[in-house]
């Protein structure tokens, strides 16, 4: 089963090089253990554009969809046999990146 591990940040700053090195080690371990599917970091919220085309006339708005102190800073998509393994990996990822992680299964 695949899970989305969302990295939640509350600071508008990039991870320092020491954290990046720890994240790289975590990524390497995910790959070695066969859990890695995909991962990526995201731009700051002010780089977002929201598009609403529900009415058939696309409206584009600069900035994040929701104004909030916390934002989605990055993510991992992992393969895990069950939620318990996904939660264990999320705990390791949280420690590696020094941020909160939200875990959601793909349907």
Protein backbone atom coordinates (compact mmCIF):
# COMPACT_ATOMS: atom_id res chain seq x y z
CA UNK A 1 0.00 0.00 0.00
CA UNK A 2 1.19 3.52 -0.69
CA UNK A 3 1.15 6.39 1.79
CA UNK A 4 1.68 10.13 1.53
CA UNK A 5 3.97 11.52 4.23
CA UNK A 6 3.44 15.29 4.24
CA UNK A 7 6.13 17.46 5.82
CA UNK A 8 4.53 20.28 7.81
CA UNK A 9 6.64 23.35 8.52
CA UNK A 10 5.95 26.51 10.48
CA UNK A 11 9.07 28.48 9.55
CA UNK A 12 9.69 30.22 6.24
CA UNK A 13 13.26 29.02 5.91
CA UNK A 14 15.07 26.20 4.18
CA UNK A 15 16.50 23.33 6.18
CA UNK A 16 20.11 23.90 7.24
CA UNK A 17 22.78 21.73 5.61
CA UNK A 18 23.00 19.41 8.64
CA UNK A 19 19.27 18.63 8.36
CA UNK A 20 19.57 18.16 4.59
CA UNK A 21 22.33 15.59 5.16
CA UNK A 22 20.12 13.72 7.64
CA UNK A 23 17.20 13.84 5.21
CA UNK A 24 19.46 12.44 2.46
CA UNK A 25 20.44 9.56 4.77
CA UNK A 26 16.76 8.87 5.49
CA UNK A 27 16.00 8.93 1.76
CA UNK A 28 18.86 6.51 1.09
CA UNK A 29 17.50 4.14 3.76
CA UNK A 30 13.97 4.32 2.30
CA UNK A 31 15.41 3.34 -1.09
CA UNK A 32 17.59 0.54 0.32
CA UNK A 33 14.63 -0.94 2.22
CA UNK A 34 12.28 -0.80 -0.79
CA UNK A 35 9.90 1.84 0.66
CA UNK A 36 10.84 4.71 -1.68
CA UNK A 37 8.38 5.73 -4.40
CA UNK A 38 8.94 9.48 -4.77
CA UNK A 39 9.74 12.55 -2.70
CA UNK A 40 10.18 16.26 -3.12
CA UNK A 41 10.45 19.61 -1.43
CA UNK A 42 8.05 22.42 -2.30
CA UNK A 43 8.43 26.16 -2.71
CA UNK A 44 7.29 28.53 0.00
CA UNK A 45 3.54 29.29 0.16
CA UNK A 46 3.93 32.69 -1.47
CA UNK A 47 5.07 30.94 -4.68
CA UNK A 48 1.72 29.14 -5.01
CA UNK A 49 -1.00 29.86 -7.54
CA UNK A 50 -4.55 28.64 -6.96
CA UNK A 51 -6.67 27.92 -10.05
CA UNK A 52 -10.45 27.62 -9.83
CA UNK A 53 -12.09 26.50 -13.05
CA UNK A 54 -15.30 25.08 -11.56
CA UNK A 55 -17.41 27.64 -13.42
CA UNK A 56 -15.63 27.05 -16.73
CA UNK A 57 -13.87 30.41 -16.52
CA UNK A 58 -10.48 29.81 -14.87
CA UNK A 59 -9.68 32.25 -12.07
CA UNK A 60 -6.05 32.36 -10.92
CA UNK A 61 -5.07 33.71 -7.52
CA UNK A 62 -1.51 34.25 -6.35
CA UNK A 63 -0.54 32.86 -2.97
CA UNK A 64 -1.58 29.88 -0.90
CA UNK A 65 -5.08 28.38 -0.87
CA UNK A 66 -5.28 28.76 2.91
CA UNK A 67 -3.60 31.40 5.03
CA UNK A 68 -1.98 29.49 7.87
CA UNK A 69 1.09 29.51 10.09
CA UNK A 70 1.86 25.94 9.00
CA UNK A 71 2.30 24.84 5.40
CA UNK A 72 3.20 21.83 3.29
CA UNK A 73 6.97 22.02 2.84
CA UNK A 74 7.53 18.69 1.11
CA UNK A 75 6.46 15.07 0.98
CA UNK A 76 7.40 11.45 0.56
CA UNK A 77 5.33 8.82 -1.17
CA UNK A 78 6.25 5.48 0.33
CA UNK A 79 5.34 1.83 -0.10
CA UNK A 80 4.57 0.05 3.18
CA UNK A 81 2.78 -3.21 3.97
CA UNK A 82 0.50 -1.55 6.55
CA UNK A 83 -0.21 1.60 8.52
CA UNK A 84 2.02 0.56 11.42
CA UNK A 85 5.08 0.45 9.15
CA UNK A 86 4.07 3.77 7.53
CA UNK A 87 3.77 5.40 10.96
CA UNK A 88 7.17 4.05 12.00
CA UNK A 89 8.73 5.44 8.82
CA UNK A 90 6.95 8.77 9.35
CA UNK A 91 8.41 8.97 12.87
CA UNK A 92 11.88 8.40 11.42
CA UNK A 93 11.22 11.01 8.73
CA UNK A 94 10.02 13.52 11.32
CA UNK A 95 13.23 13.06 13.27
CA UNK A 96 15.35 13.32 10.11
CA UNK A 97 13.78 16.57 8.88
CA UNK A 98 12.95 18.02 12.31
CA UNK A 99 9.37 18.73 11.30
CA UNK A 100 5.89 17.29 11.83
CA UNK A 101 4.70 14.61 9.40
CA UNK A 102 1.11 13.85 8.41
CA UNK A 103 0.43 10.31 7.17
CA UNK A 104 -2.38 9.48 4.72
CA UNK A 105 -3.02 6.32 2.74
CA UNK A 106 -3.74 6.47 -0.97
CA UNK A 107 -7.15 5.01 -1.87
